[in-house]
């Protein structure tokens, strides 16, 4: 299975080698959005894999890089969260948490590999809509150009993903552009995991 990961360029070492380019695109997206996320915590990074057996192989391979802190089921598939022994570092960021969602039935991503990063932008909002309004208040330059994001090729999405037993709501605002996604939410992933019954 390690060979299949290598052939798909999804082995942990290959993913680490691709991190710099991915984080450069994250910074470019921040520039397009006119938001400075440097004061905020980069909570975690997520992989996207289309094949179940490759996801299983990646799951096993990343165990050598850290430990599993959560195996929640969200939207009918496992989402594995690793606490990394050695944080991933790029562009001044230190990332100590990795999210590995198993593939969703019938959903195929255009590319496999790094898919998104999630930043904690604190808020008291409990719904996705209220969180979006709070974000627009915190980032007035983003609010000014909100209606033009589609013209810039940036897609937005509001969601409130919740795993079984999670008591803490974590509304999410996502921005997608050219194969990279930034998600903003008010609480750390580890806080959500700790809220599980």
N, C-alpha and C. Protein backbone atom coordinates (compact mmCIF):
# COMPACT_ATOMS: atom_id res chain seq x y z
N UNK A 1 0.81 -1.20 0.00
CA UNK A 1 0.00 0.00 0.00
C UNK A 1 0.86 1.27 0.00
N UNK A 2 2.04 1.16 0.60
CA UNK A 2 2.97 2.30 0.61
C UNK A 2 3.32 2.69 -0.82
N UNK A 3 3.48 1.67 -1.68
CA UNK A 3 3.81 1.92 -3.09
C UNK A 3 2.69 2.70 -3.78
N UNK A 4 1.43 2.32 -3.48
CA UNK A 4 0.28 3.02 -4.07
C UNK A 4 0.26 4.48 -3.63
N UNK A 5 0.59 4.72 -2.36
CA UNK A 5 0.67 6.10 -1.87
C UNK A 5 1.75 6.88 -2.61
N UNK A 6 2.92 6.25 -2.79
CA UNK A 6 4.03 6.90 -3.49
C UNK A 6 3.64 7.20 -4.94
N UNK A 7 3.02 6.23 -5.61
CA UNK A 7 2.61 6.42 -7.01
C UNK A 7 1.60 7.55 -7.15
N UNK A 8 0.78 7.74 -6.12
CA UNK A 8 -0.23 8.81 -6.15
C UNK A 8 0.30 10.12 -5.56
N UNK A 9 1.57 10.14 -5.18
CA UNK A 9 2.21 11.32 -4.56
C UNK A 9 1.49 11.75 -3.28
N UNK A 10 1.02 10.75 -2.50
CA UNK A 10 0.29 11.02 -1.27
C UNK A 10 1.00 10.51 -0.02
N UNK A 11 2.22 10.03 -0.17
CA UNK A 11 2.98 9.57 1.00
C UNK A 11 3.30 10.79 1.87
N UNK A 12 3.33 10.64 3.20
CA UNK A 12 3.60 11.79 4.06
C UNK A 12 4.83 12.62 3.65
N UNK A 13 5.93 11.97 3.26
CA UNK A 13 7.11 12.74 2.87
C UNK A 13 6.84 13.56 1.60
N UNK A 14 6.12 12.96 0.66
CA UNK A 14 5.77 13.70 -0.56
C UNK A 14 4.84 14.87 -0.23
N UNK A 15 3.91 14.64 0.68
CA UNK A 15 2.99 15.71 1.07
C UNK A 15 3.76 16.85 1.75
N UNK A 16 4.72 16.51 2.58
CA UNK A 16 5.54 17.54 3.22
C UNK A 16 6.29 18.35 2.17
N UNK A 17 6.77 17.68 1.12
CA UNK A 17 7.49 18.37 0.05
C UNK A 17 6.58 19.30 -0.74
N UNK A 18 5.29 19.02 -0.76
CA UNK A 18 4.33 19.85 -1.51
C UNK A 18 3.75 20.98 -0.66
N UNK A 19 4.06 20.98 0.62
CA UNK A 19 3.45 21.94 1.54
C UNK A 19 3.78 23.39 1.20
N UNK A 20 5.03 23.66 0.85
CA UNK A 20 5.45 25.04 0.56
C UNK A 20 4.60 25.65 -0.56
N UNK A 21 4.45 24.93 -1.67
CA UNK A 21 3.66 25.45 -2.80
C UNK A 21 2.20 25.64 -2.41
N UNK A 22 1.67 24.70 -1.64
CA UNK A 22 0.28 24.82 -1.20
C UNK A 22 0.09 26.06 -0.33
N UNK A 23 1.00 26.28 0.60
CA UNK A 23 0.88 27.43 1.50
C UNK A 23 1.09 28.76 0.77
N UNK A 24 1.89 28.75 -0.30
CA UNK A 24 2.00 29.96 -1.14
C UNK A 24 0.65 30.30 -1.75
N UNK A 25 -0.08 29.28 -2.20
CA UNK A 25 -1.42 29.51 -2.77
C UNK A 25 -2.40 29.99 -1.69
N UNK A 26 -2.24 29.49 -0.47
CA UNK A 26 -3.07 29.97 0.64
C UNK A 26 -2.83 31.46 0.83
N UNK A 27 -1.55 31.87 0.80
CA UNK A 27 -1.24 33.29 0.96
C UNK A 27 -1.80 34.12 -0.19
N UNK A 28 -1.74 33.58 -1.41
CA UNK A 28 -2.32 34.29 -2.56
C UNK A 28 -3.82 34.48 -2.38
N UNK A 29 -4.50 33.44 -1.90
CA UNK A 29 -5.94 33.56 -1.67
C UNK A 29 -6.22 34.61 -0.60
N UNK A 30 -5.43 34.64 0.46
CA UNK A 30 -5.59 35.68 1.49
C UNK A 30 -5.45 37.08 0.88
N UNK A 31 -4.49 37.24 -0.03
CA UNK A 31 -4.30 38.54 -0.69
C UNK A 31 -5.51 38.91 -1.53
N UNK A 32 -6.06 37.94 -2.27
CA UNK A 32 -7.26 38.20 -3.07
C UNK A 32 -8.45 38.59 -2.18
N UNK A 33 -8.54 37.95 -1.02
CA UNK A 33 -9.63 38.23 -0.08
C UNK A 33 -9.38 39.51 0.71
N UNK A 34 -8.14 40.01 0.66
CA UNK A 34 -7.72 41.19 1.42
C UNK A 34 -7.91 40.96 2.92
N UNK A 35 -7.49 39.77 3.37
CA UNK A 35 -7.54 39.46 4.80
C UNK A 35 -6.14 39.05 5.28
N UNK A 36 -5.80 39.51 6.45
CA UNK A 36 -4.52 39.14 7.07
C UNK A 36 -4.82 38.14 8.18
N UNK A 37 -4.45 36.90 7.97
CA UNK A 37 -4.71 35.86 8.96
C UNK A 37 -3.51 35.59 9.86
N UNK A 38 -2.43 36.38 9.70
CA UNK A 38 -1.22 36.13 10.49
C UNK A 38 -1.45 36.21 12.01
N UNK A 39 -2.38 37.04 12.51
CA UNK A 39 -2.56 37.05 13.97
C UNK A 39 -3.37 35.85 14.50
N UNK A 40 -3.91 35.04 13.59
CA UNK A 40 -4.81 33.96 14.00
C UNK A 40 -4.13 32.59 13.94
N UNK A 41 -4.65 31.66 14.71
CA UNK A 41 -4.11 30.31 14.77
C UNK A 41 -4.47 29.53 13.51
N UNK A 42 -3.45 28.97 12.85
CA UNK A 42 -3.71 28.01 11.77
C UNK A 42 -3.95 26.68 12.49
N UNK A 43 -5.21 26.33 12.61
CA UNK A 43 -5.64 25.22 13.46
C UNK A 43 -5.23 23.86 12.92
N UNK A 44 -5.49 23.63 11.64
CA UNK A 44 -5.11 22.34 11.05
C UNK A 44 -5.13 22.41 9.54
N UNK A 45 -4.58 21.36 8.94
CA UNK A 45 -4.51 21.22 7.49
C UNK A 45 -5.20 19.91 7.13
N UNK A 46 -5.82 19.86 5.96
CA UNK A 46 -6.57 18.66 5.57
C UNK A 46 -6.13 18.14 4.22
N UNK A 47 -6.14 16.82 4.14
CA UNK A 47 -5.86 16.08 2.90
C UNK A 47 -7.17 15.70 2.23
N UNK A 48 -7.16 15.54 0.92
CA UNK A 48 -8.30 14.98 0.20
C UNK A 48 -7.79 13.80 -0.60
N UNK A 49 -8.48 12.67 -0.43
CA UNK A 49 -8.13 11.44 -1.15
C UNK A 49 -9.41 10.85 -1.70
N UNK A 50 -9.41 10.44 -2.97
CA UNK A 50 -10.61 9.94 -3.62
C UNK A 50 -10.85 8.44 -3.44
N UNK A 51 -9.81 7.70 -3.13
CA UNK A 51 -9.90 6.23 -3.10
C UNK A 51 -9.84 5.73 -1.66
N UNK A 52 -10.78 4.87 -1.30
CA UNK A 52 -10.87 4.37 0.09
C UNK A 52 -9.59 3.66 0.52
N UNK A 53 -9.07 2.79 -0.35
CA UNK A 53 -7.86 2.03 0.03
C UNK A 53 -6.65 2.96 0.16
N UNK A 54 -6.57 4.00 -0.65
CA UNK A 54 -5.49 4.99 -0.49
C UNK A 54 -5.65 5.76 0.82
N UNK A 55 -6.89 6.07 1.18
CA UNK A 55 -7.14 6.75 2.46
C UNK A 55 -6.71 5.86 3.63
N UNK A 56 -7.00 4.56 3.53
CA UNK A 56 -6.56 3.63 4.57
C UNK A 56 -5.04 3.59 4.66
N UNK A 57 -4.39 3.58 3.50
CA UNK A 57 -2.92 3.55 3.48
C UNK A 57 -2.34 4.85 4.06
N UNK A 58 -2.95 5.98 3.70
CA UNK A 58 -2.50 7.27 4.25
C UNK A 58 -2.71 7.30 5.77
N UNK A 59 -3.84 6.77 6.20
CA UNK A 59 -4.14 6.69 7.64
C UNK A 59 -3.01 5.96 8.36
N UNK A 60 -2.61 4.82 7.84
CA UNK A 60 -1.53 4.03 8.46
C UNK A 60 -0.19 4.76 8.38
N UNK A 61 0.09 5.38 7.23
CA UNK A 61 1.38 6.06 7.04
C UNK A 61 1.52 7.26 7.98
N UNK A 62 0.44 8.03 8.19
CA UNK A 62 0.51 9.20 9.05
C UNK A 62 0.62 8.82 10.53
N UNK A 63 0.29 7.56 10.87
CA UNK A 63 0.46 7.12 12.26
C UNK A 63 1.92 7.20 12.70
N UNK A 64 2.84 7.08 11.74
CA UNK A 64 4.27 7.20 12.06
C UNK A 64 4.66 8.65 12.33
N UNK A 65 3.77 9.59 11.99
CA UNK A 65 4.06 11.02 12.15
C UNK A 65 3.39 11.63 13.39
N UNK A 66 2.54 10.84 14.05
CA UNK A 66 1.82 11.37 15.21
C UNK A 66 0.80 10.37 15.71
N UNK A 67 -0.15 10.86 16.46
CA UNK A 67 -1.16 9.96 17.03
C UNK A 67 -2.57 10.43 16.68
N UNK A 68 -3.49 9.48 16.60
CA UNK A 68 -4.88 9.80 16.31
C UNK A 68 -5.53 10.36 17.57
N UNK A 69 -6.17 11.53 17.43
CA UNK A 69 -6.86 12.13 18.57
C UNK A 69 -8.38 12.08 18.40
N UNK A 70 -8.83 11.77 17.17
CA UNK A 70 -10.27 11.65 16.93
C UNK A 70 -10.52 10.82 15.68
N UNK A 71 -11.58 10.03 15.76
CA UNK A 71 -12.08 9.28 14.60
C UNK A 71 -13.59 9.47 14.58
N UNK A 72 -14.02 10.65 14.17
CA UNK A 72 -15.45 10.97 14.15
C UNK A 72 -16.06 10.58 12.81
N UNK A 73 -17.36 10.33 12.83
CA UNK A 73 -18.07 10.09 11.58
C UNK A 73 -18.90 11.33 11.27
N UNK A 74 -18.62 11.94 10.13
CA UNK A 74 -19.35 13.13 9.69
C UNK A 74 -19.80 12.88 8.26
N UNK A 75 -21.08 13.09 8.02
CA UNK A 75 -21.68 12.84 6.69
C UNK A 75 -21.41 11.42 6.21
N UNK A 76 -21.47 10.47 7.12
CA UNK A 76 -21.38 9.06 6.75
C UNK A 76 -20.00 8.52 6.43
N UNK A 77 -18.96 9.24 6.81
CA UNK A 77 -17.59 8.74 6.55
C UNK A 77 -16.68 9.12 7.71
N UNK A 78 -15.63 8.33 7.91
CA UNK A 78 -14.70 8.66 9.00
C UNK A 78 -13.86 9.89 8.68
N UNK A 79 -13.64 10.70 9.68
CA UNK A 79 -12.71 11.83 9.60
C UNK A 79 -11.67 11.58 10.70
N UNK A 80 -10.44 11.34 10.29
CA UNK A 80 -9.37 11.04 11.24
C UNK A 80 -8.58 12.32 11.51
N UNK A 81 -8.33 12.59 12.78
CA UNK A 81 -7.53 13.76 13.15
C UNK A 81 -6.28 13.28 13.87
N UNK A 82 -5.14 13.72 13.35
CA UNK A 82 -3.84 13.37 13.93
C UNK A 82 -3.24 14.58 14.65
N UNK A 83 -2.66 14.33 15.80
CA UNK A 83 -1.80 15.31 16.45
C UNK A 83 -0.38 14.93 16.03
N UNK A 84 0.29 15.82 15.30
CA UNK A 84 1.60 15.51 14.73
C UNK A 84 2.71 15.65 15.78
N UNK A 85 3.63 14.69 15.78
CA UNK A 85 4.77 14.73 16.71
C UNK A 85 5.68 15.92 16.41
N UNK A 86 5.91 16.17 15.13
CA UNK A 86 6.69 17.31 14.66
C UNK A 86 5.78 18.18 13.81
N UNK A 87 5.51 19.41 14.22
CA UNK A 87 4.63 20.26 13.43
C UNK A 87 5.16 20.46 12.00
N UNK A 88 4.24 20.60 11.06
CA UNK A 88 4.60 20.97 9.69
C UNK A 88 4.85 22.47 9.70
N UNK A 89 5.91 22.92 9.03
CA UNK A 89 6.23 24.35 9.03
C UNK A 89 6.37 24.86 7.60
N UNK A 90 5.71 26.01 7.37
CA UNK A 90 5.80 26.64 6.05
C UNK A 90 5.29 28.07 6.14
N UNK A 91 5.96 28.98 5.46
CA UNK A 91 5.53 30.37 5.35
C UNK A 91 5.27 31.02 6.71
N UNK A 92 6.06 30.62 7.71
CA UNK A 92 5.89 31.20 9.04
C UNK A 92 4.82 30.53 9.88
N UNK A 93 4.14 29.56 9.32
CA UNK A 93 3.09 28.85 10.05
C UNK A 93 3.64 27.55 10.62
N UNK A 94 3.08 27.16 11.75
CA UNK A 94 3.38 25.87 12.37
C UNK A 94 2.06 25.13 12.51
N UNK A 95 1.98 23.94 11.93
CA UNK A 95 0.73 23.19 11.89
C UNK A 95 0.92 21.87 12.63
N UNK A 96 0.20 21.70 13.73
CA UNK A 96 0.41 20.49 14.53
C UNK A 96 -0.76 19.51 14.48
N UNK A 97 -1.73 19.79 13.61
CA UNK A 97 -2.90 18.92 13.50
C UNK A 97 -3.21 18.65 12.03
N UNK A 98 -3.48 17.39 11.70
CA UNK A 98 -3.80 16.98 10.33
C UNK A 98 -5.15 16.28 10.32
N UNK A 99 -5.99 16.67 9.38
CA UNK A 99 -7.30 16.05 9.21
C UNK A 99 -7.29 15.19 7.95
N UNK A 100 -7.70 13.94 8.09
CA UNK A 100 -7.76 13.02 6.95
C UNK A 100 -9.19 12.50 6.82
N UNK A 101 -10.00 13.14 5.97
CA UNK A 101 -11.34 12.62 5.72
C UNK A 101 -11.26 11.46 4.73
N UNK A 102 -11.93 10.37 5.05
CA UNK A 102 -12.07 9.29 4.07
C UNK A 102 -12.99 9.80 2.97
N UNK A 103 -12.90 9.23 1.76
CA UNK A 103 -13.71 9.76 0.66
C UNK A 103 -15.21 9.58 0.90
N UNK A 104 -15.98 10.57 0.49
CA UNK A 104 -17.44 10.50 0.56
C UNK A 104 -17.94 9.72 -0.65
N UNK A 105 -18.96 8.93 -0.43
CA UNK A 105 -19.53 8.12 -1.51
C UNK A 105 -20.00 9.01 -2.65
N UNK A 106 -19.55 8.69 -3.86
CA UNK A 106 -20.00 9.41 -5.05
C UNK A 106 -19.37 10.77 -5.27
N UNK A 107 -18.45 11.19 -4.40
CA UNK A 107 -17.81 12.49 -4.56
C UNK A 107 -16.35 12.29 -4.95
N UNK A 108 -15.97 12.92 -6.06
CA UNK A 108 -14.59 12.81 -6.53
C UNK A 108 -14.02 14.23 -6.63
N UNK A 109 -12.88 14.43 -5.99
CA UNK A 109 -12.22 15.74 -6.03
C UNK A 109 -11.34 15.81 -7.27
N UNK A 110 -11.23 17.01 -7.87
CA UNK A 110 -10.42 17.15 -9.09
C UNK A 110 -8.96 16.80 -8.86
N UNK A 111 -8.47 17.00 -7.65
CA UNK A 111 -7.09 16.63 -7.34
C UNK A 111 -7.02 16.10 -5.92
N UNK A 112 -6.08 15.20 -5.72
CA UNK A 112 -5.84 14.65 -4.39
C UNK A 112 -4.64 15.37 -3.79
N UNK A 113 -4.58 15.40 -2.48
CA UNK A 113 -3.46 16.04 -1.81
C UNK A 113 -3.95 17.05 -0.80
N UNK A 114 -3.13 18.07 -0.55
CA UNK A 114 -3.55 19.12 0.38
C UNK A 114 -4.80 19.78 -0.18
N UNK A 115 -5.80 19.96 0.67
CA UNK A 115 -7.06 20.53 0.18
C UNK A 115 -7.43 21.83 0.88
N UNK A 116 -7.29 21.88 2.19
CA UNK A 116 -7.62 23.13 2.87
C UNK A 116 -6.86 23.29 4.18
N UNK A 117 -6.85 24.54 4.63
CA UNK A 117 -6.34 24.88 5.96
C UNK A 117 -7.48 25.57 6.69
N UNK A 118 -7.49 25.42 8.01
CA UNK A 118 -8.54 26.05 8.81
C UNK A 118 -7.91 26.95 9.86
N UNK A 119 -8.42 28.16 9.92
CA UNK A 119 -7.95 29.16 10.87
C UNK A 119 -9.03 29.42 11.92
N UNK A 120 -8.60 29.65 13.15
CA UNK A 120 -9.52 30.02 14.21
C UNK A 120 -9.61 31.54 14.25
N UNK A 121 -10.79 32.06 13.90
CA UNK A 121 -11.08 33.48 14.04
C UNK A 121 -12.21 33.55 15.07
N UNK A 122 -11.88 33.86 16.32
CA UNK A 122 -12.85 33.77 17.41
C UNK A 122 -14.11 34.60 17.17
N UNK A 123 -15.22 34.06 17.67
CA UNK A 123 -16.52 34.72 17.55
C UNK A 123 -17.47 34.04 18.53
N UNK A 124 -18.49 34.75 18.94
CA UNK A 124 -19.53 34.17 19.79
C UNK A 124 -20.69 33.64 18.94
N UNK A 125 -20.60 33.80 17.63
CA UNK A 125 -21.68 33.35 16.73
C UNK A 125 -21.90 31.85 16.86
N UNK A 126 -23.16 31.45 16.82
CA UNK A 126 -23.49 30.02 16.91
C UNK A 126 -24.02 29.46 15.60
N UNK A 127 -24.41 30.34 14.68
CA UNK A 127 -24.88 29.87 13.36
C UNK A 127 -23.89 30.32 12.30
N UNK A 128 -23.90 29.63 11.17
CA UNK A 128 -22.99 29.97 10.07
C UNK A 128 -23.28 31.38 9.55
N UNK A 129 -24.55 31.74 9.45
CA UNK A 129 -24.92 33.07 8.94
C UNK A 129 -24.42 34.18 9.88
N UNK A 130 -24.61 33.97 11.18
CA UNK A 130 -24.13 34.97 12.16
C UNK A 130 -22.61 35.05 12.14
N UNK A 131 -21.95 33.91 11.93
CA UNK A 131 -20.49 33.90 11.87
C UNK A 131 -20.00 34.68 10.65
N UNK A 132 -20.67 34.49 9.51
CA UNK A 132 -20.29 35.24 8.31
C UNK A 132 -20.39 36.74 8.57
N UNK A 133 -21.47 37.18 9.19
CA UNK A 133 -21.63 38.60 9.48
C UNK A 133 -20.53 39.11 10.41
N UNK A 134 -20.16 38.29 11.38
CA UNK A 134 -19.09 38.67 12.30
C UNK A 134 -17.75 38.78 11.57
N UNK A 135 -17.49 37.84 10.67
CA UNK A 135 -16.25 37.88 9.87
C UNK A 135 -16.21 39.15 9.03
N UNK A 136 -17.33 39.49 8.41
CA UNK A 136 -17.36 40.70 7.57
C UNK A 136 -17.16 41.96 8.42
N UNK A 137 -17.60 41.93 9.67
CA UNK A 137 -17.33 43.07 10.57
C UNK A 137 -15.84 43.12 10.94
N UNK A 138 -15.24 41.95 11.15
CA UNK A 138 -13.82 41.91 11.55
C UNK A 138 -12.88 42.24 10.39
N UNK A 139 -13.33 41.97 9.16
CA UNK A 139 -12.51 42.22 7.97
C UNK A 139 -13.27 43.13 7.01
N UNK A 140 -13.28 44.45 7.28
CA UNK A 140 -14.06 45.37 6.45
C UNK A 140 -13.66 45.37 4.97
N UNK A 141 -12.38 45.13 4.67
CA UNK A 141 -11.96 45.11 3.25
C UNK A 141 -12.57 43.91 2.54
N UNK A 142 -12.75 42.80 3.24
CA UNK A 142 -13.44 41.64 2.67
C UNK A 142 -14.90 41.98 2.43
N UNK A 143 -15.52 42.65 3.40
CA UNK A 143 -16.93 43.04 3.27
C UNK A 143 -17.15 43.93 2.05
N UNK A 144 -16.21 44.86 1.81
CA UNK A 144 -16.34 45.79 0.67
C UNK A 144 -16.35 45.07 -0.66
N UNK A 145 -15.60 43.98 -0.76
CA UNK A 145 -15.50 43.29 -2.06
C UNK A 145 -16.30 41.98 -2.10
N UNK A 146 -17.13 41.73 -1.09
CA UNK A 146 -17.86 40.47 -0.98
C UNK A 146 -18.62 40.13 -2.27
N UNK A 147 -19.30 41.12 -2.85
CA UNK A 147 -20.10 40.88 -4.06
C UNK A 147 -19.24 40.57 -5.29
N UNK A 148 -17.96 40.91 -5.24
CA UNK A 148 -17.07 40.68 -6.39
C UNK A 148 -16.28 39.38 -6.31
N UNK A 149 -16.43 38.62 -5.24
CA UNK A 149 -15.62 37.41 -5.08
C UNK A 149 -15.82 36.42 -6.22
N UNK A 150 -17.05 36.27 -6.68
CA UNK A 150 -17.33 35.34 -7.78
C UNK A 150 -16.56 35.75 -9.03
N UNK A 151 -16.51 37.05 -9.29
CA UNK A 151 -15.76 37.56 -10.46
C UNK A 151 -14.27 37.25 -10.34
N UNK A 152 -13.78 37.14 -9.12
CA UNK A 152 -12.37 36.81 -8.89
C UNK A 152 -12.13 35.30 -8.93
N UNK A 153 -13.20 34.53 -9.15
CA UNK A 153 -13.08 33.07 -9.20
C UNK A 153 -13.07 32.43 -7.83
N UNK A 154 -13.53 33.16 -6.82
CA UNK A 154 -13.55 32.65 -5.44
C UNK A 154 -14.96 32.22 -5.08
N UNK A 155 -15.08 30.96 -4.67
CA UNK A 155 -16.38 30.43 -4.22
C UNK A 155 -16.43 30.49 -2.70
N UNK A 156 -17.60 30.79 -2.16
CA UNK A 156 -17.77 30.81 -0.71
C UNK A 156 -18.80 29.76 -0.31
N UNK A 157 -18.66 29.27 0.91
CA UNK A 157 -19.61 28.27 1.42
C UNK A 157 -19.72 28.41 2.93
N UNK A 158 -20.96 28.37 3.41
CA UNK A 158 -21.23 28.36 4.84
C UNK A 158 -21.63 26.96 5.25
N UNK A 159 -21.17 26.52 6.41
CA UNK A 159 -21.58 25.20 6.91
C UNK A 159 -21.43 25.16 8.42
N UNK A 160 -22.03 24.14 9.00
CA UNK A 160 -21.89 23.88 10.43
C UNK A 160 -21.70 22.39 10.63
N UNK A 161 -20.54 21.84 10.19
CA UNK A 161 -20.33 20.40 10.32
C UNK A 161 -20.27 20.00 11.79
N UNK A 162 -20.91 18.88 12.09
CA UNK A 162 -20.91 18.42 13.47
C UNK A 162 -20.86 16.91 13.51
N UNK A 163 -19.93 16.38 14.28
CA UNK A 163 -19.80 14.94 14.45
C UNK A 163 -20.72 14.45 15.56
N UNK A 164 -20.94 13.15 15.58
CA UNK A 164 -21.78 12.54 16.62
C UNK A 164 -21.22 12.87 18.00
N UNK A 165 -22.08 13.40 18.86
CA UNK A 165 -21.68 13.64 20.24
C UNK A 165 -20.98 14.97 20.48
N UNK A 166 -20.68 15.73 19.42
CA UNK A 166 -20.03 17.03 19.61
C UNK A 166 -21.06 18.02 20.14
N UNK A 167 -20.71 18.70 21.23
CA UNK A 167 -21.66 19.64 21.84
C UNK A 167 -21.37 21.08 21.45
N UNK A 168 -20.18 21.35 20.98
CA UNK A 168 -19.78 22.72 20.66
C UNK A 168 -20.01 22.98 19.18
N UNK A 169 -20.81 23.99 18.88
CA UNK A 169 -21.08 24.36 17.49
C UNK A 169 -19.87 25.10 16.92
N UNK A 170 -19.49 24.77 15.68
CA UNK A 170 -18.33 25.41 15.07
C UNK A 170 -18.67 25.84 13.64
N UNK A 171 -19.47 26.92 13.50
CA UNK A 171 -19.84 27.37 12.16
C UNK A 171 -18.60 27.70 11.34
N UNK A 172 -18.70 27.46 10.04
CA UNK A 172 -17.53 27.58 9.16
C UNK A 172 -17.85 28.42 7.93
N UNK A 173 -16.92 29.29 7.58
CA UNK A 173 -16.99 30.05 6.34
C UNK A 173 -15.78 29.64 5.51
N UNK A 174 -16.06 29.11 4.31
CA UNK A 174 -14.98 28.59 3.45
C UNK A 174 -14.85 29.44 2.19
N UNK A 175 -13.60 29.57 1.73
CA UNK A 175 -13.27 30.26 0.48
C UNK A 175 -12.46 29.31 -0.38
N UNK A 176 -12.93 29.04 -1.61
CA UNK A 176 -12.20 28.14 -2.52
C UNK A 176 -11.75 28.92 -3.75
N UNK A 177 -10.49 28.62 -4.13
CA UNK A 177 -9.92 29.30 -5.30
C UNK A 177 -8.78 28.46 -5.85
N UNK A 178 -8.86 28.11 -7.11
CA UNK A 178 -7.79 27.41 -7.83
C UNK A 178 -7.19 26.24 -7.05
N UNK A 179 -8.06 25.36 -6.55
CA UNK A 179 -7.60 24.14 -5.90
C UNK A 179 -7.14 24.28 -4.46
N UNK A 180 -7.34 25.46 -3.88
CA UNK A 180 -6.98 25.66 -2.48
C UNK A 180 -8.20 26.21 -1.74
N UNK A 181 -8.32 25.87 -0.48
CA UNK A 181 -9.46 26.30 0.31
C UNK A 181 -8.99 26.77 1.68
N UNK A 182 -9.53 27.90 2.11
CA UNK A 182 -9.31 28.42 3.46
C UNK A 182 -10.65 28.37 4.17
N UNK A 183 -10.64 27.79 5.36
CA UNK A 183 -11.86 27.77 6.17
C UNK A 183 -11.60 28.54 7.46
N UNK A 184 -12.59 29.33 7.85
CA UNK A 184 -12.52 30.08 9.10
C UNK A 184 -13.59 29.54 10.03
N UNK A 185 -13.26 29.37 11.30
CA UNK A 185 -14.25 28.95 12.28
C UNK A 185 -13.86 29.50 13.65
N UNK A 186 -14.82 29.57 14.58
CA UNK A 186 -14.54 30.24 15.85
C UNK A 186 -13.81 29.42 16.90
N UNK A 187 -13.81 28.08 16.76
CA UNK A 187 -13.22 27.25 17.81
C UNK A 187 -12.14 26.32 17.25
N UNK A 188 -11.16 26.00 18.08
CA UNK A 188 -10.11 25.04 17.71
C UNK A 188 -10.72 23.66 17.52
N UNK A 189 -10.16 22.90 16.60
CA UNK A 189 -10.60 21.53 16.38
C UNK A 189 -10.48 20.71 17.66
N UNK A 190 -9.40 20.90 18.41
CA UNK A 190 -9.21 20.15 19.65
C UNK A 190 -10.30 20.48 20.68
N UNK A 191 -10.80 21.71 20.67
CA UNK A 191 -11.91 22.08 21.58
C UNK A 191 -13.19 21.35 21.18
N UNK A 192 -13.40 21.21 19.87
CA UNK A 192 -14.58 20.48 19.37
C UNK A 192 -14.47 19.01 19.78
N UNK A 193 -13.30 18.43 19.58
CA UNK A 193 -13.09 17.02 19.94
C UNK A 193 -13.33 16.82 21.43
N UNK A 194 -12.83 17.74 22.25
CA UNK A 194 -12.99 17.62 23.70
C UNK A 194 -14.44 17.81 24.14
N UNK A 195 -15.28 18.41 23.27
CA UNK A 195 -16.69 18.62 23.62
C UNK A 195 -17.53 17.37 23.38
N UNK A 196 -16.92 16.33 22.77
CA UNK A 196 -17.68 15.11 22.48
C UNK A 196 -18.15 14.47 23.78
N UNK A 197 -19.39 13.97 23.74
CA UNK A 197 -19.98 13.29 24.92
C UNK A 197 -19.21 12.03 25.25
